[in-house]
Amino acid sequence: MPTGIVGGTAGFGFGLALRAAKFGEDVWIGSRTKEKAEAAAKSVIERVPGAKVNGAENAEVTAMSTIVLVTVPFPGAADTYKAIAPNIKEGVVVIDCIVPLASEVGGKPTRMLGVWEGSAAQQARGILGRKVPMASGFHTIMAAALEDLDADINTDVLICGDSEAKERAQLVVEMLPGARMVDCGPLENARILEPLTALIIGLNRRYKVHKPGAGIKITGIPGFDSLDDG
Protein backbone atom coordinates (compact mmCIF):
# COMPACT_ATOMS: atom_id res chain seq x y z
CA MET A 1 0.00 0.00 0.00
CA PRO A 2 1.96 3.06 -1.19
CA THR A 3 1.58 5.51 1.69
CA GLY A 4 2.09 9.21 1.08
CA ILE A 5 2.75 11.60 3.94
CA VAL A 6 2.34 15.20 2.87
CA GLY A 7 4.39 17.25 5.31
CA GLY A 8 6.36 14.22 6.44
CA THR A 9 9.74 15.87 6.89
CA ALA A 10 9.45 16.63 10.61
CA GLY A 11 7.38 16.12 13.75
CA PHE A 12 4.25 14.01 13.58
CA GLY A 13 4.50 13.37 9.84
CA PHE A 14 8.09 12.17 10.11
CA GLY A 15 7.10 9.88 12.99
CA LEU A 16 4.36 8.35 10.83
CA ALA A 17 6.88 7.82 8.04
CA LEU A 18 9.18 5.97 10.45
CA ARG A 19 6.40 3.70 11.66
CA ALA A 20 5.10 2.95 8.18
CA ALA A 21 8.61 2.19 6.97
CA LYS A 22 9.28 -0.15 9.88
CA PHE A 23 5.99 -1.91 9.11
CA GLY A 24 7.29 -2.56 5.60
CA GLU A 25 5.13 -0.14 3.63
CA ASP A 26 6.22 1.70 0.50
CA VAL A 27 6.48 5.23 1.92
CA TRP A 28 6.52 8.53 0.05
CA ILE A 29 7.51 11.61 2.06
CA GLY A 30 6.25 14.90 0.68
CA SER A 31 7.41 18.48 1.09
CA ARG A 32 7.18 21.74 -0.82
CA THR A 33 10.80 21.13 -1.89
CA LYS A 34 12.14 17.87 -3.25
CA GLU A 35 15.50 18.34 -1.51
CA LYS A 36 13.92 18.55 1.94
CA ALA A 37 11.77 15.49 1.28
CA GLU A 38 14.75 13.47 0.05
CA ALA A 39 16.73 14.42 3.15
CA ALA A 40 13.88 13.19 5.37
CA ALA A 41 13.68 9.93 3.40
CA LYS A 42 17.41 9.42 3.92
CA SER A 43 16.94 9.96 7.66
CA VAL A 44 14.23 7.31 7.76
CA ILE A 45 16.45 4.80 5.95
CA GLU A 46 19.26 5.49 8.43
CA ARG A 47 16.93 4.52 11.27
CA VAL A 48 15.12 1.72 9.41
CA PRO A 49 17.74 0.03 7.21
CA GLY A 50 16.27 -1.44 4.06
CA ALA A 51 13.14 0.70 4.26
CA LYS A 52 11.31 1.51 1.02
CA VAL A 53 11.15 5.30 1.32
CA ASN A 54 11.24 8.05 -1.27
CA GLY A 55 11.08 11.83 -0.97
CA ALA A 56 9.43 14.14 -3.49
CA GLU A 57 7.34 17.28 -3.81
CA ASN A 58 3.84 17.00 -2.34
CA ALA A 59 2.08 16.81 -5.70
CA GLU A 60 4.23 13.89 -6.88
CA VAL A 61 3.81 12.08 -3.57
CA THR A 62 0.03 12.37 -3.92
CA ALA A 63 0.13 10.94 -7.43
CA MET A 64 2.22 7.94 -6.30
CA SER A 65 0.11 6.97 -3.25
CA THR A 66 -3.07 5.03 -2.58
CA ILE A 67 -3.48 6.64 0.82
CA VAL A 68 -2.41 10.21 1.58
CA LEU A 69 -1.95 11.48 5.13
CA VAL A 70 -1.76 15.27 5.35
CA THR A 71 0.26 16.52 8.33
CA VAL A 72 1.23 20.09 7.38
CA PRO A 73 0.82 23.04 9.78
CA PHE A 74 -2.66 24.54 9.63
CA PRO A 75 -1.69 27.97 8.25
CA GLY A 76 -0.48 26.31 5.03
CA ALA A 77 -3.18 23.65 4.83
CA ALA A 78 -5.49 25.31 2.32
CA ASP A 79 -2.67 26.04 -0.12
CA THR A 80 -1.35 22.50 0.26
CA TYR A 81 -4.72 20.94 -0.49
CA LYS A 82 -5.20 23.17 -3.52
CA ALA A 83 -1.77 22.08 -4.79
CA ILE A 84 -2.32 18.34 -4.38
CA ALA A 85 -5.99 18.17 -5.40
CA PRO A 86 -5.33 17.69 -9.16
CA ASN A 87 -3.08 14.69 -8.39
CA ILE A 88 -5.54 12.71 -6.27
CA LYS A 89 -6.49 9.71 -8.37
CA GLU A 90 -9.76 7.79 -8.21
CA GLY A 91 -9.69 5.29 -5.35
CA VAL A 92 -7.19 7.26 -3.28
CA VAL A 93 -8.26 8.22 0.24
CA VAL A 94 -7.07 11.24 2.20
CA ILE A 95 -6.58 11.29 5.97
CA ASP A 96 -6.36 14.77 7.47
CA CYS A 97 -4.19 14.86 10.61
CA ILE A 98 -4.07 18.64 10.91
CA VAL A 99 -4.90 20.49 14.11
CA PRO A 100 -5.43 24.29 14.08
CA LEU A 101 -3.41 25.02 17.21
CA ALA A 102 -2.96 28.65 18.22
CA SER A 103 0.79 28.02 18.62
CA GLU A 104 1.08 27.97 14.83
CA VAL A 105 0.36 31.71 14.75
CA GLY A 106 2.23 32.66 17.92
CA GLY A 107 -0.36 31.63 20.50
CA LYS A 108 -0.47 28.90 23.12
CA PRO A 109 -0.41 25.21 22.08
CA THR A 110 -3.24 24.52 24.52
CA ARG A 111 -5.59 26.79 22.57
CA MET A 112 -7.32 26.34 19.23
CA LEU A 113 -7.80 28.63 16.27
CA GLY A 114 -11.32 29.24 15.04
CA VAL A 115 -12.04 27.62 11.66
CA TRP A 116 -15.04 28.95 9.75
CA GLU A 117 -15.89 25.49 8.34
CA GLY A 118 -15.81 23.96 11.83
CA SER A 119 -12.53 22.05 11.63
CA ALA A 120 -9.36 21.68 9.57
CA ALA A 121 -10.77 18.49 8.05
CA GLN A 122 -13.99 20.19 6.98
CA GLN A 123 -11.97 22.98 5.42
CA ALA A 124 -10.08 20.33 3.45
CA ARG A 125 -13.34 18.72 2.35
CA GLY A 126 -14.51 22.05 1.01
CA ILE A 127 -11.41 22.18 -1.19
CA LEU A 128 -11.32 18.54 -2.32
CA GLY A 129 -15.08 17.99 -2.65
CA ARG A 130 -17.10 14.95 -1.72
CA LYS A 131 -15.76 12.68 -4.46
CA VAL A 132 -12.54 12.17 -2.49
CA PRO A 133 -13.01 9.76 0.44
CA MET A 134 -11.75 11.52 3.56
CA ALA A 135 -11.09 10.75 7.20
CA SER A 136 -9.72 12.76 10.10
CA GLY A 137 -7.78 11.43 13.06
CA PHE A 138 -4.53 10.54 14.86
CA HIS A 139 -4.89 13.69 16.96
CA THR A 140 -4.07 12.10 20.32
CA ILE A 141 -0.69 10.60 19.37
CA MET A 142 2.37 12.70 20.07
CA ALA A 143 5.27 12.86 17.59
CA ALA A 144 7.74 11.68 20.24
CA ALA A 145 5.78 8.46 20.70
CA LEU A 146 5.92 7.73 16.98
CA GLU A 147 9.63 8.46 16.69
CA ASP A 148 10.53 6.02 19.48
CA LEU A 149 10.44 2.86 17.38
CA ASP A 150 10.92 0.62 20.42
CA ALA A 151 7.78 1.93 22.14
CA ASP A 152 4.19 0.74 21.77
CA ILE A 153 1.50 3.31 21.03
CA ASN A 154 -0.61 2.66 24.08
CA THR A 155 -3.67 4.70 23.11
CA ASP A 156 -6.88 4.53 21.14
CA VAL A 157 -6.80 6.28 17.77
CA LEU A 158 -10.01 8.21 17.18
CA ILE A 159 -11.02 8.38 13.51
CA CYS A 160 -14.02 10.01 11.86
CA GLY A 161 -14.92 10.30 8.19
CA ASP A 162 -16.26 8.39 5.20
CA SER A 163 -16.53 4.61 5.49
CA GLU A 164 -13.95 3.84 2.78
CA ALA A 165 -11.45 6.24 4.28
CA LYS A 166 -11.96 4.88 7.80
CA GLU A 167 -11.33 1.36 6.53
CA ARG A 168 -8.02 2.51 5.05
CA ALA A 169 -7.19 4.42 8.24
CA GLN A 170 -7.58 1.15 10.12
CA LEU A 171 -4.66 -0.22 8.08
CA VAL A 172 -2.52 2.72 9.18
CA VAL A 173 -3.47 2.18 12.82
CA GLU A 174 -2.33 -1.43 12.46
CA MET A 175 1.17 -0.11 11.75
CA LEU A 176 1.29 1.25 15.31
CA PRO A 177 1.86 -1.52 17.91
CA GLY A 178 -0.48 -1.19 20.88
CA ALA A 179 -2.86 1.21 19.13
CA ARG A 180 -6.56 0.53 18.54
CA MET A 181 -8.87 2.38 16.19
CA VAL A 182 -12.20 3.73 17.39
CA ASP A 183 -14.77 4.71 14.75
CA CYS A 184 -16.05 8.16 15.73
CA GLY A 185 -18.63 8.67 13.00
CA PRO A 186 -18.80 11.13 10.09
CA LEU A 187 -16.22 13.75 9.14
CA GLU A 188 -18.16 16.58 10.81
CA ASN A 189 -17.06 15.11 14.16
CA ALA A 190 -13.53 16.33 13.41
CA ARG A 191 -14.56 19.55 15.13
CA ILE A 192 -14.71 17.47 18.34
CA LEU A 193 -11.60 15.37 17.77
CA GLU A 194 -9.13 18.05 16.69
CA PRO A 195 -9.19 19.98 20.01
CA LEU A 196 -8.11 16.79 21.81
CA THR A 197 -4.55 17.58 20.73
CA ALA A 198 -4.62 20.79 22.77
CA LEU A 199 -6.07 18.85 25.70
CA ILE A 200 -3.31 16.22 25.54
CA ILE A 201 -0.62 18.90 25.36
CA GLY A 202 -2.13 20.53 28.44
CA LEU A 203 -2.19 17.23 30.34
CA ASN A 204 1.42 16.50 29.44
CA ARG A 205 2.44 19.87 30.81
CA ARG A 206 0.30 19.73 33.92
CA TYR A 207 1.46 16.27 34.94
CA LYS A 208 5.01 16.67 33.56
CA VAL A 209 4.55 13.70 31.25
CA HIS A 210 7.29 13.23 28.69
CA LYS A 211 7.72 10.60 25.99
CA PRO A 212 5.47 8.92 24.94
CA GLY A 213 2.97 11.36 26.45
CA ALA A 214 -0.60 11.04 27.64
CA GLY A 215 -3.19 9.20 25.57
CA ILE A 216 -6.88 8.38 25.43
CA LYS A 217 -8.70 5.09 26.02
CA ILE A 218 -12.37 4.52 25.23
CA THR A 219 -14.01 2.05 27.62
CA GLY A 220 -17.23 0.08 27.60
CA ILE A 221 -17.41 -0.70 23.87
CA PRO A 222 -17.48 -4.48 23.21
CA GLY A 223 -15.97 -4.37 19.72
CA PHE A 224 -14.93 -2.18 16.82
CA ASP A 225 -16.13 -4.16 13.82
CA SER A 226 -18.63 -1.62 12.46
CA LEU A 227 -17.45 1.18 10.21
CA ASP A 228 -20.66 2.90 9.29
CA ASP A 229 -21.15 6.63 8.87
CA GLY A 230 -24.11 6.84 11.24
C-alpha atoms as a PDB file:
ATOM      1  CA  MET A   1       0.000   0.000   0.000  1.00  0.00           C
ATOM      2  CA  PRO A   2       1.956   3.059  -1.187  1.00  0.00           C
ATOM      3  CA  THR A   3       1.581   5.507   1.688  1.00  0.00           C
ATOM      4  CA  GLY A   4       2.089   9.207   1.080  1.00  0.00           C
ATOM      5  CA  ILE A   5       2.749  11.598   3.938  1.00  0.00           C
ATOM      6  CA  VAL A   6       2.345  15.204   2.872  1.00  0.00           C
ATOM      7  CA  GLY A   7       4.385  17.252   5.311  1.00  0.00           C
ATOM      8  CA  GLY A   8       6.356  14.220   6.444  1.00  0.00           C
ATOM      9  CA  THR A   9       9.743  15.867   6.888  1.00  0.00           C
ATOM     10  CA  ALA A  10       9.455  16.627  10.607  1.00  0.00           C
ATOM     11  CA  GLY A  11       7.383  16.115  13.754  1.00  0.00           C
ATOM     12  CA  PHE A  12       4.254  14.012  13.582  1.00  0.00           C
ATOM     13  CA  GLY A  13       4.501  13.369   9.841  1.00  0.00           C
ATOM     14  CA  PHE A  14       8.090  12.171  10.111  1.00  0.00           C
ATOM     15  CA  GLY A  15       7.097   9.885  12.985  1.00  0.00           C
ATOM     16  CA  LEU A  16       4.356   8.345  10.833  1.00  0.00           C
ATOM     17  CA  ALA A  17       6.877   7.816   8.043  1.00  0.00           C
ATOM     18  CA  LEU A  18       9.182   5.971  10.446  1.00  0.00           C
ATOM     19  CA  ARG A  19       6.396   3.704  11.664  1.00  0.00           C
ATOM     20  CA  ALA A  20       5.096   2.949   8.184  1.00  0.00           C
ATOM     21  CA  ALA A  21       8.613   2.189   6.965  1.00  0.00           C
ATOM     22  CA  LYS A  22       9.276  -0.151   9.878  1.00  0.00           C
ATOM     23  CA  PHE A  23       5.989  -1.914   9.108  1.00  0.00           C
ATOM     24  CA  GLY A  24       7.290  -2.561   5.595  1.00  0.00           C
ATOM     25  CA  GLU A  25       5.134  -0.139   3.631  1.00  0.00           C
ATOM     26  CA  ASP A  26       6.217   1.696   0.497  1.00  0.00           C
ATOM     27  CA  VAL A  27       6.478   5.232   1.922  1.00  0.00           C
ATOM     28  CA  TRP A  28       6.517   8.527   0.051  1.00  0.00           C
ATOM     29  CA  ILE A  29       7.511  11.612   2.065  1.00  0.00           C
ATOM     30  CA  GLY A  30       6.245  14.901   0.685  1.00  0.00           C
ATOM     31  CA  SER A  31       7.412  18.476   1.094  1.00  0.00           C
ATOM     32  CA  ARG A  32       7.183  21.738  -0.815  1.00  0.00           C
ATOM     33  CA  THR A  33      10.795  21.130  -1.894  1.00  0.00           C
ATOM     34  CA  LYS A  34      12.145  17.870  -3.255  1.00  0.00           C
ATOM     35  CA  GLU A  35      15.496  18.338  -1.505  1.00  0.00           C
ATOM     36  CA  LYS A  36      13.925  18.555   1.942  1.00  0.00           C
ATOM     37  CA  ALA A  37      11.774  15.489   1.276  1.00  0.00           C
ATOM     38  CA  GLU A  38      14.746  13.469   0.047  1.00  0.00           C
ATOM     39  CA  ALA A  39      16.734  14.417   3.152  1.00  0.00           C
ATOM     40  CA  ALA A  40      13.883  13.191   5.367  1.00  0.00           C
ATOM     41  CA  ALA A  41      13.678   9.930   3.399  1.00  0.00           C
ATOM     42  CA  LYS A  42      17.414   9.421   3.919  1.00  0.00           C
ATOM     43  CA  SER A  43      16.945   9.965   7.663  1.00  0.00           C
ATOM     44  CA  VAL A  44      14.227   7.308   7.765  1.00  0.00           C
ATOM     45  CA  ILE A  45      16.449   4.803   5.953  1.00  0.00           C
ATOM     46  CA  GLU A  46      19.263   5.490   8.427  1.00  0.00           C
ATOM     47  CA  ARG A  47      16.925   4.518  11.274  1.00  0.00           C
ATOM     48  CA  VAL A  48      15.119   1.717   9.413  1.00  0.00           C
ATOM     49  CA  PRO A  49      17.743   0.031   7.214  1.00  0.00           C
ATOM     50  CA  GLY A  50      16.268  -1.437   4.060  1.00  0.00           C
ATOM     51  CA  ALA A  51      13.138   0.705   4.257  1.00  0.00           C
ATOM     52  CA  LYS A  52      11.313   1.510   1.024  1.00  0.00           C
ATOM     53  CA  VAL A  53      11.153   5.296   1.320  1.00  0.00           C
ATOM     54  CA  ASN A  54      11.241   8.049  -1.274  1.00  0.00           C
ATOM     55  CA  GLY A  55      11.080  11.828  -0.975  1.00  0.00           C
ATOM     56  CA  ALA A  56       9.428  14.139  -3.493  1.00  0.00           C
ATOM     57  CA  GLU A  57       7.338  17.278  -3.809  1.00  0.00           C
ATOM     58  CA  ASN A  58       3.843  17.003  -2.341  1.00  0.00           C
ATOM     59  CA  ALA A  59       2.075  16.805  -5.701  1.00  0.00           C
ATOM     60  CA  GLU A  60       4.232  13.887  -6.884  1.00  0.00           C
ATOM     61  CA  VAL A  61       3.807  12.077  -3.567  1.00  0.00           C
ATOM     62  CA  THR A  62       0.034  12.369  -3.918  1.00  0.00           C
ATOM     63  CA  ALA A  63       0.133  10.944  -7.429  1.00  0.00           C
ATOM     64  CA  MET A  64       2.216   7.937  -6.302  1.00  0.00           C
ATOM     65  CA  SER A  65       0.115   6.973  -3.254  1.00  0.00           C
ATOM     66  CA  THR A  66      -3.069   5.025  -2.578  1.00  0.00           C
ATOM     67  CA  ILE A  67      -3.483   6.637   0.825  1.00  0.00           C
ATOM     68  CA  VAL A  68      -2.411  10.208   1.575  1.00  0.00           C
ATOM     69  CA  LEU A  69      -1.954  11.483   5.127  1.00  0.00           C
ATOM     70  CA  VAL A  70      -1.758  15.267   5.349  1.00  0.00           C
ATOM     71  CA  THR A  71       0.256  16.516   8.332  1.00  0.00           C
ATOM     72  CA  VAL A  72       1.228  20.085   7.380  1.00  0.00           C
ATOM     73  CA  PRO A  73       0.818  23.040   9.780  1.00  0.00           C
ATOM     74  CA  PHE A  74      -2.665  24.544   9.634  1.00  0.00           C
ATOM     75  CA  PRO A  75      -1.690  27.974   8.246  1.00  0.00           C
ATOM     76  CA  GLY A  76      -0.484  26.308   5.031  1.00  0.00           C
ATOM     77  CA  ALA A  77      -3.177  23.654   4.831  1.00  0.00           C
ATOM     78  CA  ALA A  78      -5.487  25.308   2.316  1.00  0.00           C
ATOM     79  CA  ASP A  79      -2.671  26.040  -0.121  1.00  0.00           C
ATOM     80  CA  THR A  80      -1.348  22.499   0.262  1.00  0.00           C
ATOM     81  CA  TYR A  81      -4.724  20.935  -0.494  1.00  0.00           C
ATOM     82  CA  LYS A  82      -5.197  23.172  -3.520  1.00  0.00           C
ATOM     83  CA  ALA A  83      -1.768  22.084  -4.786  1.00  0.00           C
ATOM     84  CA  ILE A  84      -2.321  18.337  -4.380  1.00  0.00           C
ATOM     85  CA  ALA A  85      -5.995  18.172  -5.403  1.00  0.00           C
ATOM     86  CA  PRO A  86      -5.332  17.690  -9.156  1.00  0.00           C
ATOM     87  CA  ASN A  87      -3.076  14.694  -8.387  1.00  0.00           C
ATOM     88  CA  ILE A  88      -5.540  12.714  -6.265  1.00  0.00           C
ATOM     89  CA  LYS A  89      -6.494   9.707  -8.369  1.00  0.00           C
ATOM     90  CA  GLU A  90      -9.764   7.790  -8.209  1.00  0.00           C
ATOM     91  CA  GLY A  91      -9.691   5.288  -5.355  1.00  0.00           C
ATOM     92  CA  VAL A  92      -7.186   7.262  -3.278  1.00  0.00           C
ATOM     93  CA  VAL A  93      -8.259   8.224   0.240  1.00  0.00           C
ATOM     94  CA  VAL A  94      -7.067  11.239   2.201  1.00  0.00           C
ATOM     95  CA  ILE A  95      -6.585  11.290   5.967  1.00  0.00           C
ATOM     96  CA  ASP A  96      -6.360  14.765   7.467  1.00  0.00           C
ATOM     97  CA  CYS A  97      -4.190  14.860  10.608  1.00  0.00           C
ATOM     98  CA  ILE A  98      -4.069  18.637  10.915  1.00  0.00           C
ATOM     99  CA  VAL A  99      -4.904  20.492  14.112  1.00  0.00           C
ATOM    100  CA  PRO A 100      -5.433  24.292  14.076  1.00  0.00           C
ATOM    101  CA  LEU A 101      -3.409  25.025  17.213  1.00  0.00           C
ATOM    102  CA  ALA A 102      -2.960  28.646  18.222  1.00  0.00           C
ATOM    103  CA  SER A 103       0.786  28.020  18.620  1.00  0.00           C
ATOM    104  CA  GLU A 104       1.081  27.968  14.830  1.00  0.00           C
ATOM    105  CA  VAL A 105       0.363  31.706  14.747  1.00  0.00           C
ATOM    106  CA  GLY A 106       2.232  32.659  17.917  1.00  0.00           C
ATOM    107  CA  GLY A 107      -0.362  31.628  20.502  1.00  0.00           C
ATOM    108  CA  LYS A 108      -0.467  28.900  23.122  1.00  0.00           C
ATOM    109  CA  PRO A 109      -0.412  25.206  22.080  1.00  0.00           C
ATOM    110  CA  THR A 110      -3.241  24.516  24.523  1.00  0.00           C
ATOM    111  CA  ARG A 111      -5.592  26.791  22.573  1.00  0.00           C
ATOM    112  CA  MET A 112      -7.319  26.337  19.228  1.00  0.00           C
ATOM    113  CA  LEU A 113      -7.798  28.628  16.274  1.00  0.00           C
ATOM    114  CA  GLY A 114     -11.317  29.236  15.043  1.00  0.00           C
ATOM    115  CA  VAL A 115     -12.038  27.625  11.663  1.00  0.00           C
ATOM    116  CA  TRP A 116     -15.037  28.946   9.751  1.00  0.00           C
ATOM    117  CA  GLU A 117     -15.889  25.491   8.340  1.00  0.00           C
ATOM    118  CA  GLY A 118     -15.814  23.963  11.834  1.00  0.00           C
ATOM    119  CA  SER A 119     -12.530  22.049  11.628  1.00  0.00           C
ATOM    120  CA  ALA A 120      -9.363  21.679   9.572  1.00  0.00           C
ATOM    121  CA  ALA A 121     -10.768  18.486   8.050  1.00  0.00           C
ATOM    122  CA  GLN A 122     -13.991  20.187   6.982  1.00  0.00           C
ATOM    123  CA  GLN A 123     -11.968  22.985   5.420  1.00  0.00           C
ATOM    124  CA  ALA A 124     -10.081  20.333   3.446  1.00  0.00           C
ATOM    125  CA  ARG A 125     -13.339  18.720   2.349  1.00  0.00           C
ATOM    126  CA  GLY A 126     -14.510  22.049   1.012  1.00  0.00           C
ATOM    127  CA  ILE A 127     -11.408  22.181  -1.192  1.00  0.00           C
ATOM    128  CA  LEU A 128     -11.319  18.536  -2.322  1.00  0.00           C
ATOM    129  CA  GLY A 129     -15.077  17.994  -2.654  1.00  0.00           C
ATOM    130  CA  ARG A 130     -17.101  14.952  -1.720  1.00  0.00           C
ATOM    131  CA  LYS A 131     -15.757  12.680  -4.464  1.00  0.00           C
ATOM    132  CA  VAL A 132     -12.543  12.173  -2.491  1.00  0.00           C
ATOM    133  CA  PRO A 133     -13.015   9.760   0.442  1.00  0.00           C
ATOM    134  CA  MET A 134     -11.750  11.516   3.556  1.00  0.00           C
ATOM    135  CA  ALA A 135     -11.093  10.749   7.201  1.00  0.00           C
ATOM    136  CA  SER A 136      -9.722  12.756  10.105  1.00  0.00           C
ATOM    137  CA  GLY A 137      -7.779  11.435  13.063  1.00  0.00           C
ATOM    138  CA  PHE A 138      -4.531  10.541  14.856  1.00  0.00           C
ATOM    139  CA  HIS A 139      -4.886  13.695  16.957  1.00  0.00           C
ATOM    140  CA  THR A 140      -4.066  12.101  20.319  1.00  0.00           C
ATOM    141  CA  ILE A 141      -0.685  10.599  19.373  1.00  0.00           C
ATOM    142  CA  MET A 142       2.373  12.704  20.066  1.00  0.00           C
ATOM    143  CA  ALA A 143       5.268  12.856  17.595  1.00  0.00           C
ATOM    144  CA  ALA A 144       7.741  11.678  20.242  1.00  0.00           C
ATOM    145  CA  ALA A 145       5.781   8.461  20.698  1.00  0.00           C
ATOM    146  CA  LEU A 146       5.919   7.730  16.978  1.00  0.00           C
ATOM    147  CA  GLU A 147       9.630   8.462  16.690  1.00  0.00           C
ATOM    148  CA  ASP A 148      10.531   6.020  19.484  1.00  0.00           C
ATOM    149  CA  LEU A 149      10.442   2.859  17.379  1.00  0.00           C
ATOM    150  CA  ASP A 150      10.916   0.623  20.416  1.00  0.00           C
ATOM    151  CA  ALA A 151       7.780   1.928  22.142  1.00  0.00           C
ATOM    152  CA  ASP A 152       4.190   0.739  21.771  1.00  0.00           C
ATOM    153  CA  ILE A 153       1.504   3.311  21.032  1.00  0.00           C
ATOM    154  CA  ASN A 154      -0.614   2.657  24.082  1.00  0.00           C
ATOM    155  CA  THR A 155      -3.666   4.702  23.105  1.00  0.00           C
ATOM    156  CA  ASP A 156      -6.876   4.527  21.142  1.00  0.00           C
ATOM    157  CA  VAL A 157      -6.801   6.281  17.773  1.00  0.00           C
ATOM    158  CA  LEU A 158     -10.011   8.206  17.184  1.00  0.00           C
ATOM    159  CA  ILE A 159     -11.018   8.379  13.512  1.00  0.00           C
ATOM    160  CA  CYS A 160     -14.018  10.009  11.864  1.00  0.00           C
ATOM    161  CA  GLY A 161     -14.925  10.301   8.191  1.00  0.00           C
ATOM    162  CA  ASP A 162     -16.255   8.391   5.201  1.00  0.00           C
ATOM    163  CA  SER A 163     -16.531   4.611   5.489  1.00  0.00           C
ATOM    164  CA  GLU A 164     -13.954   3.838   2.778  1.00  0.00           C
ATOM    165  CA  ALA A 165     -11.449   6.244   4.283  1.00  0.00           C
ATOM    166  CA  LYS A 166     -11.962   4.879   7.796  1.00  0.00           C
ATOM    167  CA  GLU A 167     -11.328   1.361   6.529  1.00  0.00           C
ATOM    168  CA  ARG A 168      -8.025   2.513   5.051  1.00  0.00           C
ATOM    169  CA  ALA A 169      -7.189   4.421   8.238  1.00  0.00           C
ATOM    170  CA  GLN A 170      -7.576   1.146  10.117  1.00  0.00           C
ATOM    171  CA  LEU A 171      -4.660  -0.219   8.077  1.00  0.00           C
ATOM    172  CA  VAL A 172      -2.517   2.719   9.178  1.00  0.00           C
ATOM    173  CA  VAL A 173      -3.470   2.180  12.818  1.00  0.00           C
ATOM    174  CA  GLU A 174      -2.331  -1.432  12.462  1.00  0.00           C
ATOM    175  CA  MET A 175       1.165  -0.115  11.747  1.00  0.00           C
ATOM    176  CA  LEU A 176       1.289   1.251  15.307  1.00  0.00           C
ATOM    177  CA  PRO A 177       1.856  -1.517  17.912  1.00  0.00           C
ATOM    178  CA  GLY A 178      -0.482  -1.187  20.878  1.00  0.00           C
ATOM    179  CA  ALA A 179      -2.863   1.212  19.126  1.00  0.00           C
ATOM    180  CA  ARG A 180      -6.560   0.528  18.538  1.00  0.00           C
ATOM    181  CA  MET A 181      -8.871   2.378  16.192  1.00  0.00           C
ATOM    182  CA  VAL A 182     -12.196   3.732  17.388  1.00  0.00           C
ATOM    183  CA  ASP A 183     -14.772   4.715  14.752  1.00  0.00           C
ATOM    184  CA  CYS A 184     -16.052   8.161  15.725  1.00  0.00           C
ATOM    185  CA  GLY A 185     -18.631   8.672  13.001  1.00  0.00           C
ATOM    186  CA  PRO A 186     -18.802  11.134  10.086  1.00  0.00           C
ATOM    187  CA  LEU A 187     -16.224  13.752   9.141  1.00  0.00           C
ATOM    188  CA  GLU A 188     -18.163  16.575  10.808  1.00  0.00           C
ATOM    189  CA  ASN A 189     -17.058  15.114  14.156  1.00  0.00           C
ATOM    190  CA  ALA A 190     -13.530  16.326  13.406  1.00  0.00           C
ATOM    191  CA  ARG A 191     -14.562  19.551  15.134  1.00  0.00           C
ATOM    192  CA  ILE A 192     -14.715  17.470  18.339  1.00  0.00           C
ATOM    193  CA  LEU A 193     -11.598  15.367  17.775  1.00  0.00           C
ATOM    194  CA  GLU A 194      -9.128  18.047  16.691  1.00  0.00           C
ATOM    195  CA  PRO A 195      -9.187  19.984  20.014  1.00  0.00           C
ATOM    196  CA  LEU A 196      -8.107  16.791  21.810  1.00  0.00           C
ATOM    197  CA  THR A 197      -4.555  17.582  20.734  1.00  0.00           C
ATOM    198  CA  ALA A 198      -4.616  20.789  22.769  1.00  0.00           C
ATOM    199  CA  LEU A 199      -6.073  18.845  25.697  1.00  0.00           C
ATOM    200  CA  ILE A 200      -3.312  16.215  25.535  1.00  0.00           C
ATOM    201  CA  ILE A 201      -0.623  18.898  25.363  1.00  0.00           C
ATOM    202  CA  GLY A 202      -2.128  20.533  28.440  1.00  0.00           C
ATOM    203  CA  LEU A 203      -2.190  17.234  30.335  1.00  0.00           C
ATOM    204  CA  ASN A 204       1.419  16.497  29.445  1.00  0.00           C
ATOM    205  CA  ARG A 205       2.444  19.873  30.810  1.00  0.00           C
ATOM    206  CA  ARG A 206       0.299  19.730  33.920  1.00  0.00           C
ATOM    207  CA  TYR A 207       1.465  16.268  34.943  1.00  0.00           C
ATOM    208  CA  LYS A 208       5.008  16.666  33.564  1.00  0.00           C
ATOM    209  CA  VAL A 209       4.549  13.698  31.248  1.00  0.00           C
ATOM    210  CA  HIS A 210       7.289  13.235  28.689  1.00  0.00           C
ATOM    211  CA  LYS A 211       7.723  10.596  25.991  1.00  0.00           C
ATOM    212  CA  PRO A 212       5.471   8.919  24.935  1.00  0.00           C
ATOM    213  CA  GLY A 213       2.965  11.356  26.447  1.00  0.00           C
ATOM    214  CA  ALA A 214      -0.599  11.035  27.640  1.00  0.00           C
ATOM    215  CA  GLY A 215      -3.185   9.202  25.573  1.00  0.00           C
ATOM    216  CA  ILE A 216      -6.884   8.377  25.434  1.00  0.00           C
ATOM    217  CA  LYS A 217      -8.696   5.088  26.024  1.00  0.00           C
ATOM    218  CA  ILE A 218     -12.375   4.520  25.231  1.00  0.00           C
ATOM    219  CA  THR A 219     -14.006   2.051  27.616  1.00  0.00           C
ATOM    220  CA  GLY A 220     -17.231   0.081  27.605  1.00  0.00           C
ATOM    221  CA  ILE A 221     -17.408  -0.700  23.869  1.00  0.00           C
ATOM    222  CA  PRO A 222     -17.484  -4.479  23.215  1.00  0.00           C
ATOM    223  CA  GLY A 223     -15.972  -4.372  19.724  1.00  0.00           C
ATOM    224  CA  PHE A 224     -14.928  -2.183  16.825  1.00  0.00           C
ATOM    225  CA  ASP A 225     -16.127  -4.156  13.817  1.00  0.00           C
ATOM    226  CA  SER A 226     -18.632  -1.618  12.461  1.00  0.00           C
ATOM    227  CA  LEU A 227     -17.447   1.181  10.206  1.00  0.00           C
ATOM    228  CA  ASP A 228     -20.662   2.904   9.293  1.00  0.00           C
ATOM    229  CA  ASP A 229     -21.152   6.630   8.870  1.00  0.00           C
ATOM    230  CA  GLY A 230     -24.107   6.838  11.245  1.00  0.00           C
END
